[in-house]
Protein backbone atom coordinates (compact mmCIF):
# COMPACT_ATOMS: atom_id res chain seq x y z
CA UNK A 1 81.58 58.64 -49.15
CA UNK A 2 80.27 55.28 -50.20
CA UNK A 3 77.76 53.83 -52.79
CA UNK A 4 75.84 51.09 -51.20
CA UNK A 5 73.21 49.29 -51.88
CA UNK A 6 70.67 47.61 -49.44
CA UNK A 7 67.95 45.01 -50.59
CA UNK A 8 65.20 43.50 -47.84
CA UNK A 9 63.90 40.47 -48.81
CA UNK A 10 60.09 40.99 -47.04
CA UNK A 11 57.55 38.90 -46.39
CA UNK A 12 55.49 40.76 -48.72
CA UNK A 13 58.10 42.93 -50.74
CA UNK A 14 61.48 43.15 -51.66
CA UNK A 15 62.70 46.71 -51.91
CA UNK A 16 66.24 47.79 -53.02
CA UNK A 17 67.93 51.02 -51.96
CA UNK A 18 70.97 52.64 -53.58
CA UNK A 19 72.79 55.52 -51.79
CA UNK A 20 75.85 57.59 -50.97
CA UNK A 21 76.73 57.01 -47.18
CA UNK A 22 78.74 59.84 -45.55
CA UNK A 23 79.23 58.88 -41.79
CA UNK A 24 75.86 59.51 -40.37
CA UNK A 25 74.43 61.62 -43.73
CA UNK A 26 72.46 59.18 -46.47
CA UNK A 27 71.60 60.45 -49.82
CA UNK A 28 69.14 58.22 -52.08
CA UNK A 29 70.07 57.61 -55.15
CA UNK A 30 67.55 55.30 -56.14
CA UNK A 31 64.30 53.20 -54.45
CA UNK A 32 62.70 50.44 -55.76
CA UNK A 33 60.07 47.90 -54.03
CA UNK A 34 58.02 45.00 -55.65
CA UNK A 35 55.56 42.90 -54.18
CA UNK A 36 56.80 39.49 -54.59
CA UNK A 37 54.94 37.56 -51.55
CA UNK A 38 57.67 35.86 -50.17
CA UNK A 39 55.99 34.59 -47.14
CA UNK A 40 53.60 33.16 -48.91
CA UNK A 41 52.27 30.08 -47.18
CA UNK A 42 55.19 30.13 -44.83
CA UNK A 43 52.42 30.38 -41.71
CA UNK A 44 51.20 27.16 -42.40
CA UNK A 45 53.92 25.28 -44.26
CA UNK A 46 57.42 26.57 -42.33
CA UNK A 47 58.20 26.18 -46.01
CA UNK A 48 59.28 28.84 -48.64
CA UNK A 49 57.54 27.84 -51.67
CA UNK A 50 59.12 27.68 -55.18
CA UNK A 51 56.91 30.54 -56.92
CA UNK A 52 57.58 33.00 -54.37
CA UNK A 53 61.30 31.97 -54.67
CA UNK A 54 61.24 32.66 -58.28
CA UNK A 55 58.88 36.09 -58.03
CA UNK A 56 62.33 37.18 -55.94
CA UNK A 57 65.28 35.80 -58.02
CA UNK A 58 63.55 37.15 -61.39
CA UNK A 59 63.33 40.86 -59.18
CA UNK A 60 66.89 40.76 -57.83
CA UNK A 61 68.19 40.11 -61.45
CA UNK A 62 66.68 43.68 -62.13
CA UNK A 63 68.14 44.79 -58.78
CA UNK A 64 71.39 43.62 -59.31
CA UNK A 65 71.70 45.08 -62.81
CA UNK A 66 70.10 48.17 -61.67
CA UNK A 67 73.06 48.65 -58.37
CA UNK A 68 75.59 47.67 -60.79
CA UNK A 69 74.99 50.37 -63.65
CA UNK A 70 74.74 53.11 -60.32
CA UNK A 71 78.08 51.39 -59.28
CA UNK A 72 77.45 50.60 -55.64
CA UNK A 73 80.47 49.38 -53.96
CA UNK A 74 78.99 46.32 -51.59
CA UNK A 75 75.38 45.45 -51.19
CA UNK A 76 73.97 43.94 -47.87
CA UNK A 77 70.62 42.10 -48.31
CA UNK A 78 68.63 41.62 -45.19
CA UNK A 79 65.60 38.68 -44.56
CA UNK A 80 63.49 38.89 -41.86
CA UNK A 81 60.10 37.18 -40.98
CA UNK A 82 59.47 34.72 -43.44
CA UNK A 83 63.09 33.73 -43.96
CA UNK A 84 63.43 33.21 -40.11
CA UNK A 85 60.71 31.25 -39.65
CA UNK A 86 61.12 28.99 -42.96
CA UNK A 87 63.18 25.38 -42.41
CA UNK A 88 64.87 26.24 -45.60
CA UNK A 89 65.17 29.92 -45.14
CA UNK A 90 68.89 29.46 -44.45
CA UNK A 91 69.58 28.14 -47.55
CA UNK A 92 67.62 30.45 -49.67
CA UNK A 93 70.02 33.24 -48.21
CA UNK A 94 73.00 30.28 -49.25
CA UNK A 95 71.86 30.31 -52.63
CA UNK A 96 70.90 34.36 -52.80
CA UNK A 97 74.95 35.12 -52.03
CA UNK A 98 76.56 32.70 -54.34
CA UNK A 99 74.20 33.68 -57.13
CA UNK A 100 74.29 37.88 -56.92
CA UNK A 101 76.93 38.12 -54.74
CA UNK A 102 75.21 39.68 -52.28
CA UNK A 103 76.64 39.72 -48.70
CA UNK A 104 72.99 38.29 -46.69
CA UNK A 105 72.19 38.63 -42.95
CA UNK A 106 69.34 37.02 -41.19
CA UNK A 107 67.66 38.97 -38.78
CA UNK A 108 66.45 38.13 -35.53
CA UNK A 109 63.92 40.37 -33.89
CA UNK A 110 66.17 42.88 -32.00
CA UNK A 111 68.54 42.94 -34.45
CA UNK A 112 65.48 43.87 -36.69
CA UNK A 113 64.09 46.62 -34.49
CA UNK A 114 68.05 48.01 -34.24
CA UNK A 115 68.39 48.66 -37.53
CA UNK A 116 64.57 50.02 -38.09
CA UNK A 117 65.59 52.25 -35.89
CA UNK A 118 69.01 53.13 -37.17
CA UNK A 119 67.18 54.11 -40.54
CA UNK A 120 64.08 56.22 -38.85
CA UNK A 121 66.45 58.08 -36.48
CA UNK A 122 69.23 59.13 -38.85
CA UNK A 123 69.23 62.86 -40.05
CA UNK A 124 66.67 63.97 -37.49
CA UNK A 125 66.90 65.14 -34.34
CA UNK A 126 66.94 62.47 -31.18
CA UNK A 127 63.83 60.71 -30.48
CA UNK A 128 61.87 61.21 -27.10
CA UNK A 129 59.48 59.18 -25.87
CA UNK A 130 58.80 57.99 -28.83
CA UNK A 131 57.26 53.97 -30.32
CA UNK A 132 58.73 53.55 -33.90
CA UNK A 133 55.80 50.82 -35.38
CA UNK A 134 57.03 48.62 -38.49
CA UNK A 135 54.11 46.59 -39.62
CA UNK A 136 55.43 43.98 -42.04
CA UNK A 137 54.60 41.27 -43.96
CA UNK A 138 54.80 38.42 -41.18
CA UNK A 139 56.03 40.17 -38.36
CA UNK A 140 55.07 43.89 -36.68
CA UNK A 141 58.14 45.49 -34.78
CA UNK A 142 58.13 47.57 -31.76
CA UNK A 143 61.01 50.15 -30.92
CA UNK A 144 60.35 52.33 -27.80
CA UNK A 145 63.30 55.58 -28.05
CA UNK A 146 63.69 57.98 -25.90
CA UNK A 147 67.13 60.10 -25.02
CA UNK A 148 68.08 59.27 -28.09
CA UNK A 149 68.33 55.73 -28.25
CA UNK A 150 66.37 52.86 -28.05
CA UNK A 151 64.86 51.37 -24.57
CA UNK A 152 63.01 48.34 -25.17
CA UNK A 153 61.56 46.12 -28.31
CA UNK A 154 59.40 43.89 -29.20
CA UNK A 155 59.12 41.38 -32.66
CA UNK A 156 55.41 40.37 -32.94
CA UNK A 157 54.29 37.67 -34.82
CA UNK A 158 51.53 39.44 -36.67
CA UNK A 159 51.98 40.88 -40.04
CA UNK A 160 49.70 42.02 -42.93
CA UNK A 161 50.29 38.94 -44.62
CA UNK A 162 50.51 36.35 -41.79
CA UNK A 163 47.28 38.26 -40.49
CA UNK A 164 45.31 37.40 -43.70
CA UNK A 165 46.28 33.97 -44.10
CA UNK A 166 45.25 33.42 -40.24
CA UNK A 167 42.36 35.37 -39.41
CA UNK A 168 40.75 36.96 -43.07
CA UNK A 169 39.70 33.82 -45.69
CA UNK A 170 36.43 35.90 -46.64
CA UNK A 171 36.24 38.48 -49.76
CA UNK A 172 35.56 40.93 -48.73
CA UNK A 173 36.83 39.59 -44.63
CA UNK A 174 33.90 39.23 -42.43
CA UNK A 175 33.04 41.37 -39.22
CA UNK A 176 33.52 38.31 -37.25
CA UNK A 177 37.03 37.77 -39.06
CA UNK A 178 37.87 41.26 -38.38
CA UNK A 179 36.96 41.07 -35.29
CA UNK A 180 38.95 37.77 -34.45
CA UNK A 181 41.99 39.29 -35.73
CA UNK A 182 41.97 42.47 -33.87
CA UNK A 183 41.56 40.57 -30.77
CA UNK A 184 44.52 38.42 -31.20
CA UNK A 185 46.66 41.47 -32.29
CA UNK A 186 45.54 43.00 -28.82
CA UNK A 187 46.45 40.12 -26.93
CA UNK A 188 50.11 40.02 -28.07
CA UNK A 189 51.04 43.89 -27.33
CA UNK A 190 53.69 44.33 -24.76
CA UNK A 191 52.24 47.35 -22.23
CA UNK A 192 54.12 49.93 -23.54
CA UNK A 193 53.80 53.65 -23.19
CA UNK A 194 54.47 56.51 -25.32
CA UNK A 195 53.06 59.71 -26.36
CA UNK A 196 53.76 59.91 -30.05
CA UNK A 197 54.69 57.30 -32.79
CA UNK A 198 56.55 57.15 -36.36
CA UNK A 199 55.34 54.29 -38.60
CA UNK A 200 57.30 52.59 -41.54
CA UNK A 201 56.60 50.33 -44.29
CA UNK A 202 54.04 49.79 -46.69
CA UNK A 203 50.43 49.98 -44.48
CA UNK A 204 51.02 53.43 -43.44
CA UNK A 205 52.72 54.81 -46.67
CA UNK A 206 49.60 53.41 -48.67
CA UNK A 207 47.32 55.03 -45.76
CA UNK A 208 49.01 58.28 -45.86
CA UNK A 209 48.48 57.93 -50.21
CA UNK A 210 44.67 57.32 -49.49
CA UNK A 211 44.95 60.00 -46.23
CA UNK A 212 46.32 62.50 -48.89
CA UNK A 213 44.28 61.64 -51.84
CA UNK A 214 47.21 61.17 -54.47
CA UNK A 215 46.32 59.53 -57.61
CA UNK A 216 49.52 57.20 -56.67
CA UNK A 217 52.23 56.64 -54.11
CA UNK A 218 54.43 59.80 -54.27
CA UNK A 219 57.24 59.22 -50.91
CA UNK A 220 58.20 63.01 -50.88
CA UNK A 221 54.33 63.50 -50.18
CA UNK A 222 53.99 60.83 -47.46
CA UNK A 223 57.21 61.37 -45.47
CA UNK A 224 56.13 63.26 -42.78
CA UNK A 225 52.47 63.08 -43.11
CA UNK A 226 50.63 62.74 -39.52
CA UNK A 227 47.76 60.00 -39.99
CA UNK A 228 44.95 60.52 -37.23
CA UNK A 229 43.58 57.57 -36.26
CA UNK A 230 39.96 58.75 -37.19
CA UNK A 231 41.12 58.80 -40.40
CA UNK A 232 42.64 55.23 -39.99
CA UNK A 233 39.36 53.54 -38.96
CA UNK A 234 37.46 55.40 -41.49
CA UNK A 235 39.78 53.24 -44.08
CA UNK A 236 39.64 50.24 -42.67
CA UNK A 237 35.90 50.18 -42.65
CA UNK A 238 35.97 51.58 -45.92
CA UNK A 239 38.55 49.05 -47.26
CA UNK A 240 37.07 46.24 -45.72
CA UNK A 241 33.74 46.71 -47.21
CA UNK A 242 35.13 46.07 -50.53
CA UNK A 243 35.94 42.73 -52.55
CA UNK A 244 39.89 42.54 -53.18
CA UNK A 245 39.23 43.08 -56.76
CA UNK A 246 37.13 46.75 -55.73
CA UNK A 247 41.00 47.09 -53.62
CA UNK A 248 43.17 46.53 -56.55
CA UNK A 249 41.18 48.95 -58.33
CA UNK A 250 41.15 52.07 -55.80
CA UNK A 251 43.85 54.53 -56.47
CA UNK A 252 46.93 54.73 -54.30
CA UNK A 253 46.90 51.07 -53.48
CA UNK A 254 49.62 49.05 -55.27
CA UNK A 255 47.71 46.14 -56.64
CA UNK A 256 49.51 43.51 -55.30
CA UNK A 257 49.23 45.53 -51.83
CA UNK A 258 45.18 45.22 -52.11
CA UNK A 259 45.34 41.38 -50.86
CA UNK A 260 46.85 41.93 -47.48
CA UNK A 261 46.27 45.88 -46.76
CA UNK A 262 43.13 45.33 -44.16
CA UNK A 263 45.07 43.15 -42.29
CA UNK A 264 47.63 45.70 -41.86
CA UNK A 265 45.02 48.57 -41.10
CA UNK A 266 43.98 46.20 -37.94
CA UNK A 267 47.07 45.90 -36.84
CA UNK A 268 47.77 49.56 -36.88
CA UNK A 269 44.16 50.55 -35.60
CA UNK A 270 44.68 48.05 -32.38
CA UNK A 271 48.09 49.19 -31.79
CA UNK A 272 47.07 53.04 -31.64
CA UNK A 273 43.61 51.88 -29.34
CA UNK A 274 46.03 50.53 -27.27
CA UNK A 275 48.89 52.92 -26.85
CA UNK A 276 46.05 55.87 -26.61
CA UNK A 277 47.58 57.26 -29.86
CA UNK A 278 45.36 59.85 -31.51
CA UNK A 279 47.61 59.89 -34.95
CA UNK A 280 50.94 58.44 -35.91
CA UNK A 281 53.72 60.18 -38.05
CA UNK A 282 54.78 58.66 -41.24
CA UNK A 283 58.34 58.40 -42.12
CA UNK A 284 60.34 56.92 -45.71
CA UNK A 285 62.83 56.07 -43.43
CA UNK A 286 62.99 52.83 -42.43
CA UNK A 287 65.11 49.40 -41.99
CA UNK A 288 66.24 49.39 -45.81
CA UNK A 289 67.82 52.91 -44.74
CA UNK A 290 69.44 51.19 -41.50
CA UNK A 291 70.38 48.11 -43.84
CA UNK A 292 72.34 50.62 -46.20
CA UNK A 293 74.61 52.18 -43.27
CA UNK A 294 75.48 48.51 -42.42
CA UNK A 295 75.91 48.08 -45.95
CA UNK A 296 78.80 50.88 -45.92
CA UNK A 297 80.62 48.93 -43.02
CA UNK A 298 81.00 46.03 -44.16
CA UNK A 299 84.76 44.73 -45.69
CA UNK A 300 85.31 44.27 -49.24
CA UNK A 301 83.79 41.57 -51.08
CA UNK A 302 85.73 38.79 -51.24
CA UNK A 303 85.94 35.64 -53.68
CA UNK A 304 85.54 32.11 -52.25
CA UNK A 305 83.36 29.18 -52.11
CA UNK A 306 79.78 28.73 -52.64
CA UNK A 307 78.02 29.34 -48.78
CA UNK A 308 76.71 26.41 -47.44
CA UNK A 309 73.81 25.16 -48.23
CA UNK A 310 73.63 26.73 -51.57
CA UNK A 311 72.35 24.62 -53.91
CA UNK A 312 70.38 22.97 -51.63
CA UNK A 313 67.53 25.73 -51.54
CA UNK A 314 65.02 25.03 -54.94
């Protein structure tokens, strides 16, 4: 058994998982999520900005302290849409490696899909004709699984942060803005067919929290919950009518997620309508768990020189 840590440097949040890995078995030891908005402004400027970088660094300082106290032997930090799209993204990762001692990996869309699939499917029966949906901050990953493995995947440049910044400037968003956002999402969807779907990440887990009328997020309750399309449409109508301040005070919504939750629900609604899905299963296992399996396969960390660009990021 190997104790490892995985870190997801997402567009909207930075997450930590400490887990024990043995073969295809994973036991969670600790899991953390912090809204850091690393991708703030990336869609417009194509660059990671100093303030979001500082938020992530402060978060990683706390995470490293915790994972070391729990005895994690190696750590893999993965980066996705925001870092891919930023001109200083690779330099940022080099600086993270040098400062924190983490192994870092910048995932392309197909690699992101593969890790997500591995995380979702670990410990459950093989999937048959199932669409996996991961709505992130900068991108949305779609993976079609059948016969126990992925058969197709698509990475779309629509995430809750990106859609908010491009289409929803008003507070609350105007009907014309919501319509434009929905039309844009629909225009990018591939022609997949699947009778079932599993959703991961903050949009679907927040919707599950609201659907279950929980006072706060509880992953043990949301895991495996089935979200009906009708419920998603009702929540979109309700949340889109609220101001940001009002959404921030809704029980069950993480305050840092309130600015982007409407866009995330728009993406999910359009996906479910396009693929004629009446419901979607919520999974608390996702790319972070896939990264933990990958961390267990890493070689022992070595002392060495600073990665290229380690001092040029910020």
